[in-house]
Amino acid sequence: MFEIFIAKANIENFRGLISRENDPAKKEILKELLTIEEDKLAAAHVASSIQSFPKRDH
């Protein structure tokens, strides 16, 4: 799923930016953005797993 690929790339990018950032205020903003991307990744995994469930006939 494309959303998973993008979220993983963003997470990797934010982790690198956080490790290099010296300004505590900017580091906090980056951590918040990282958390948002981690949430997006989790949601994309859930959406992907739901789509793979077989459909039931009623």
PDB file of N, CA and C in Angstrom:
ATOM      1  N   MET A   1       0.842  -1.174   0.000  1.00  0.00           N
ATOM      2  CA  MET A   1       0.000   0.000   0.000  1.00  0.00           C
ATOM      3  C   MET A   1       0.893   1.246   0.000  1.00  0.00           C
ATOM      4  N   PHE A   2       0.551   2.197  -0.829  1.00  0.00           N
ATOM      5  CA  PHE A   2       1.358   3.403  -1.003  1.00  0.00           C
ATOM      6  C   PHE A   2       1.469   4.211   0.292  1.00  0.00           C
ATOM      7  N   GLU A   3       0.404   4.287   1.081  1.00  0.00           N
ATOM      8  CA  GLU A   3       0.409   5.054   2.328  1.00  0.00           C
ATOM      9  C   GLU A   3       1.441   4.507   3.311  1.00  0.00           C
ATOM     10  N   ILE A   4       1.601   3.194   3.336  1.00  0.00           N
ATOM     11  CA  ILE A   4       2.579   2.569   4.225  1.00  0.00           C
ATOM     12  C   ILE A   4       3.996   2.973   3.814  1.00  0.00           C
ATOM     13  N   PHE A   5       4.267   2.930   2.516  1.00  0.00           N
ATOM     14  CA  PHE A   5       5.584   3.309   2.013  1.00  0.00           C
ATOM     15  C   PHE A   5       5.908   4.757   2.378  1.00  0.00           C
ATOM     16  N   ILE A   6       4.969   5.661   2.153  1.00  0.00           N
ATOM     17  CA  ILE A   6       5.177   7.085   2.437  1.00  0.00           C
ATOM     18  C   ILE A   6       5.384   7.311   3.939  1.00  0.00           C
ATOM     19  N   ALA A   7       4.553   6.703   4.763  1.00  0.00           N
ATOM     20  CA  ALA A   7       4.672   6.887   6.212  1.00  0.00           C
ATOM     21  C   ALA A   7       6.020   6.380   6.716  1.00  0.00           C
ATOM     22  N   LYS A   8       6.466   5.230   6.214  1.00  0.00           N
ATOM     23  CA  LYS A   8       7.765   4.705   6.635  1.00  0.00           C
ATOM     24  C   LYS A   8       8.897   5.641   6.230  1.00  0.00           C
ATOM     25  N   ALA A   9       8.821   6.190   5.027  1.00  0.00           N
ATOM     26  CA  ALA A   9       9.853   7.124   4.567  1.00  0.00           C
ATOM     27  C   ALA A   9       9.845   8.394   5.424  1.00  0.00           C
ATOM     28  N   ASN A  10       8.666   8.895   5.735  1.00  0.00           N
ATOM     29  CA  ASN A  10       8.568  10.089   6.573  1.00  0.00           C
ATOM     30  C   ASN A  10       9.090   9.834   7.980  1.00  0.00           C
ATOM     31  N   ILE A  11       8.795   8.675   8.530  1.00  0.00           N
ATOM     32  CA  ILE A  11       9.275   8.320   9.862  1.00  0.00           C
ATOM     33  C   ILE A  11      10.799   8.275   9.879  1.00  0.00           C
ATOM     34  N   GLU A  12      11.375   7.649   8.890  1.00  0.00           N
ATOM     35  CA  GLU A  12      12.838   7.585   8.802  1.00  0.00           C
ATOM     36  C   GLU A  12      13.425   8.995   8.697  1.00  0.00           C
ATOM     37  N   ASN A  13      12.798   9.838   7.887  1.00  0.00           N
ATOM     38  CA  ASN A  13      13.268  11.215   7.718  1.00  0.00           C
ATOM     39  C   ASN A  13      13.177  11.994   9.028  1.00  0.00           C
ATOM     40  N   PHE A  14      12.039  11.917   9.709  1.00  0.00           N
ATOM     41  CA  PHE A  14      11.880  12.647  10.965  1.00  0.00           C
ATOM     42  C   PHE A  14      12.864  12.159  12.023  1.00  0.00           C
ATOM     43  N   ARG A  15      13.110  10.870  12.100  1.00  0.00           N
ATOM     44  CA  ARG A  15      14.082  10.357  13.075  1.00  0.00           C
ATOM     45  C   ARG A  15      15.473  10.932  12.811  1.00  0.00           C
ATOM     46  N   GLY A  16      15.848  11.023  11.546  1.00  0.00           N
ATOM     47  CA  GLY A  16      17.138  11.620  11.206  1.00  0.00           C
ATOM     48  C   GLY A  16      17.194  13.090  11.570  1.00  0.00           C
ATOM     49  N   LEU A  17      16.123  13.815  11.271  1.00  0.00           N
ATOM     50  CA  LEU A  17      16.079  15.237  11.609  1.00  0.00           C
ATOM     51  C   LEU A  17      16.151  15.449  13.122  1.00  0.00           C
ATOM     52  N   ILE A  18      15.451  14.620  13.873  1.00  0.00           N
ATOM     53  CA  ILE A  18      15.459  14.730  15.340  1.00  0.00           C
ATOM     54  C   ILE A  18      16.862  14.486  15.883  1.00  0.00           C
ATOM     55  N   SER A  19      17.544  13.486  15.346  1.00  0.00           N
ATOM     56  CA  SER A  19      18.878  13.156  15.865  1.00  0.00           C
ATOM     57  C   SER A  19      19.895  14.269  15.585  1.00  0.00           C
ATOM     58  N   ARG A  20      19.655  15.071  14.537  1.00  0.00           N
ATOM     59  CA  ARG A  20      20.594  16.137  14.183  1.00  0.00           C
ATOM     60  C   ARG A  20      20.204  17.503  14.728  1.00  0.00           C
ATOM     61  N   GLU A  21      18.980  17.647  15.207  1.00  0.00           N
ATOM     62  CA  GLU A  21      18.489  18.950  15.657  1.00  0.00           C
ATOM     63  C   GLU A  21      19.004  19.270  17.056  1.00  0.00           C
ATOM     64  N   ASN A  22      19.493  20.507  17.233  1.00  0.00           N
ATOM     65  CA  ASN A  22      20.004  20.948  18.540  1.00  0.00           C
ATOM     66  C   ASN A  22      19.032  21.858  19.279  1.00  0.00           C
ATOM     67  N   ASP A  23      18.135  22.485  18.559  1.00  0.00           N
ATOM     68  CA  ASP A  23      17.166  23.397  19.169  1.00  0.00           C
ATOM     69  C   ASP A  23      16.045  22.581  19.809  1.00  0.00           C
ATOM     70  N   PRO A  24      15.890  22.680  21.154  1.00  0.00           N
ATOM     71  CA  PRO A  24      14.860  21.873  21.841  1.00  0.00           C
ATOM     72  C   PRO A  24      13.436  22.126  21.333  1.00  0.00           C
ATOM     73  N   ALA A  25      13.110  23.365  20.991  1.00  0.00           N
ATOM     74  CA  ALA A  25      11.756  23.669  20.510  1.00  0.00           C
ATOM     75  C   ALA A  25      11.498  23.008  19.162  1.00  0.00           C
ATOM     76  N   LYS A  26      12.469  23.090  18.267  1.00  0.00           N
ATOM     77  CA  LYS A  26      12.323  22.449  16.957  1.00  0.00           C
ATOM     78  C   LYS A  26      12.280  20.934  17.105  1.00  0.00           C
ATOM     79  N   LYS A  27      13.077  20.419  18.042  1.00  0.00           N
ATOM     80  CA  LYS A  27      13.096  18.967  18.272  1.00  0.00           C
ATOM     81  C   LYS A  27      11.724  18.483  18.730  1.00  0.00           C
ATOM     82  N   GLU A  28      11.052  19.255  19.588  1.00  0.00           N
ATOM     83  CA  GLU A  28       9.709  18.884  20.055  1.00  0.00           C
ATOM     84  C   GLU A  28       8.710  18.874  18.912  1.00  0.00           C
ATOM     85  N   ILE A  29       8.794  19.858  18.033  1.00  0.00           N
ATOM     86  CA  ILE A  29       7.897  19.894  16.871  1.00  0.00           C
ATOM     87  C   ILE A  29       8.129  18.670  15.997  1.00  0.00           C
ATOM     88  N   LEU A  30       9.386  18.340  15.762  1.00  0.00           N
ATOM     89  CA  LEU A  30       9.708  17.161  14.954  1.00  0.00           C
ATOM     90  C   LEU A  30       9.195  15.878  15.604  1.00  0.00           C
ATOM     91  N   LYS A  31       9.275  15.804  16.929  1.00  0.00           N
ATOM     92  CA  LYS A  31       8.763  14.627  17.638  1.00  0.00           C
ATOM     93  C   LYS A  31       7.245  14.513  17.483  1.00  0.00           C
ATOM     94  N   GLU A  32       6.551  15.656  17.510  1.00  0.00           N
ATOM     95  CA  GLU A  32       5.104  15.639  17.302  1.00  0.00           C
ATOM     96  C   GLU A  32       4.773  15.169  15.887  1.00  0.00           C
ATOM     97  N   LEU A  33       5.524  15.660  14.911  1.00  0.00           N
ATOM     98  CA  LEU A  33       5.309  15.233  13.526  1.00  0.00           C
ATOM     99  C   LEU A  33       5.617  13.742  13.362  1.00  0.00           C
ATOM    100  N   LEU A  34       6.642  13.265  14.053  1.00  0.00           N
ATOM    101  CA  LEU A  34       6.976  11.835  14.024  1.00  0.00           C
ATOM    102  C   LEU A  34       5.817  11.011  14.571  1.00  0.00           C
ATOM    103  N   THR A  35       5.255  11.456  15.667  1.00  0.00           N
ATOM    104  CA  THR A  35       4.126  10.740  16.273  1.00  0.00           C
ATOM    105  C   THR A  35       2.934  10.682  15.314  1.00  0.00           C
ATOM    106  N   ILE A  36       2.681  11.778  14.627  1.00  0.00           N
ATOM    107  CA  ILE A  36       1.584  11.802  13.654  1.00  0.00           C
ATOM    108  C   ILE A  36       1.834  10.783  12.545  1.00  0.00           C
ATOM    109  N   GLU A  37       3.065  10.723  12.046  1.00  0.00           N
ATOM    110  CA  GLU A  37       3.391   9.763  10.989  1.00  0.00           C
ATOM    111  C   GLU A  37       3.299   8.328  11.486  1.00  0.00           C
ATOM    112  N   GLU A  38       3.721   8.091  12.728  1.00  0.00           N
ATOM    113  CA  GLU A  38       3.605   6.741  13.296  1.00  0.00           C
ATOM    114  C   GLU A  38       2.132   6.338  13.407  1.00  0.00           C
ATOM    115  N   ASP A  39       1.285   7.286  13.757  1.00  0.00           N
ATOM    116  CA  ASP A  39      -0.161   7.011  13.806  1.00  0.00           C
ATOM    117  C   ASP A  39      -0.706   6.707  12.414  1.00  0.00           C
ATOM    118  N   LYS A  40      -0.239   7.466  11.411  1.00  0.00           N
ATOM    119  CA  LYS A  40      -0.664   7.212  10.030  1.00  0.00           C
ATOM    120  C   LYS A  40      -0.236   5.819   9.581  1.00  0.00           C
ATOM    121  N   LEU A  41       0.970   5.424   9.958  1.00  0.00           N
ATOM    122  CA  LEU A  41       1.459   4.096   9.588  1.00  0.00           C
ATOM    123  C   LEU A  41       0.599   3.013  10.228  1.00  0.00           C
ATOM    124  N   ALA A  42       0.284   3.183  11.490  1.00  0.00           N
ATOM    125  CA  ALA A  42      -0.572   2.205  12.177  1.00  0.00           C
ATOM    126  C   ALA A  42      -1.943   2.118  11.505  1.00  0.00           C
ATOM    127  N   ALA A  43      -2.515   3.271  11.170  1.00  0.00           N
ATOM    128  CA  ALA A  43      -3.826   3.288  10.510  1.00  0.00           C
ATOM    129  C   ALA A  43      -3.752   2.633   9.137  1.00  0.00           C
ATOM    130  N   ALA A  44      -2.667   2.863   8.418  1.00  0.00           N
ATOM    131  CA  ALA A  44      -2.521   2.260   7.092  1.00  0.00           C
ATOM    132  C   ALA A  44      -2.404   0.743   7.198  1.00  0.00           C
ATOM    133  N   HIS A  45      -1.728   0.260   8.244  1.00  0.00           N
ATOM    134  CA  HIS A  45      -1.627  -1.187   8.442  1.00  0.00           C
ATOM    135  C   HIS A  45      -2.998  -1.787   8.753  1.00  0.00           C
ATOM    136  N   VAL A  46      -3.778  -1.097   9.572  1.00  0.00           N
ATOM    137  CA  VAL A  46      -5.124  -1.572   9.896  1.00  0.00           C
ATOM    138  C   VAL A  46      -5.979  -1.601   8.635  1.00  0.00           C
ATOM    139  N   ALA A  47      -5.931  -0.527   7.868  1.00  0.00           N
ATOM    140  CA  ALA A  47      -6.723  -0.463   6.634  1.00  0.00           C
ATOM    141  C   ALA A  47      -6.312  -1.570   5.672  1.00  0.00           C
ATOM    142  N   SER A  48      -5.027  -1.832   5.599  1.00  0.00           N
ATOM    143  CA  SER A  48      -4.521  -2.883   4.718  1.00  0.00           C
ATOM    144  C   SER A  48      -5.008  -4.258   5.170  1.00  0.00           C
ATOM    145  N   SER A  49      -5.010  -4.480   6.480  1.00  0.00           N
ATOM    146  CA  SER A  49      -5.441  -5.792   6.978  1.00  0.00           C
ATOM    147  C   SER A  49      -6.946  -5.982   6.809  1.00  0.00           C
ATOM    148  N   ILE A  50      -7.710  -4.916   6.926  1.00  0.00           N
ATOM    149  CA  ILE A  50      -9.160  -5.002   6.733  1.00  0.00           C
ATOM    150  C   ILE A  50      -9.480  -5.338   5.281  1.00  0.00           C
ATOM    151  N   GLN A  51      -8.749  -4.742   4.353  1.00  0.00           N
ATOM    152  CA  GLN A  51      -8.983  -4.996   2.936  1.00  0.00           C
ATOM    153  C   GLN A  51      -8.652  -6.430   2.549  1.00  0.00           C
ATOM    154  N   SER A  52      -7.773  -7.062   3.317  1.00  0.00           N
ATOM    155  CA  SER A  52      -7.391  -8.425   2.966  1.00  0.00           C
ATOM    156  C   SER A  52      -8.338  -9.480   3.541  1.00  0.00           C
ATOM    157  N   PHE A  53      -9.294  -9.057   4.384  1.00  0.00           N
ATOM    158  CA  PHE A  53     -10.268  -9.994   4.922  1.00  0.00           C
ATOM    159  C   PHE A  53     -11.195 -10.462   3.809  1.00  0.00           C
ATOM    160  N   PRO A  54     -11.557 -11.725   3.805  1.00  0.00           N
ATOM    161  CA  PRO A  54     -12.504 -12.189   2.795  1.00  0.00           C
ATOM    162  C   PRO A  54     -13.889 -11.622   3.076  1.00  0.00           C
ATOM    163  N   LYS A  55     -14.607 -11.322   2.034  1.00  0.00           N
ATOM    164  CA  LYS A  55     -15.976 -10.801   2.186  1.00  0.00           C
ATOM    165  C   LYS A  55     -16.921 -11.963   2.439  1.00  0.00           C
ATOM    166  N   ARG A  56     -17.872 -11.712   3.350  1.00  0.00           N
ATOM    167  CA  ARG A  56     -18.854 -12.752   3.690  1.00  0.00           C
ATOM    168  C   ARG A  56     -20.154 -12.476   2.961  1.00  0.00           C
ATOM    169  N   ASP A  57     -20.758 -13.538   2.485  1.00  0.00           N
ATOM    170  CA  ASP A  57     -22.078 -13.423   1.880  1.00  0.00           C
ATOM    171  C   ASP A  57     -23.125 -13.512   3.003  1.00  0.00           C
ATOM    172  N   HIS A  58     -24.138 -12.681   2.924  1.00  0.00           N
ATOM    173  CA  HIS A  58     -25.187 -12.696   3.956  1.00  0.00           C
ATOM    174  C   HIS A  58     -26.439 -13.268   3.405  1.00  0.00           C
TER     175      HIS A  58
END
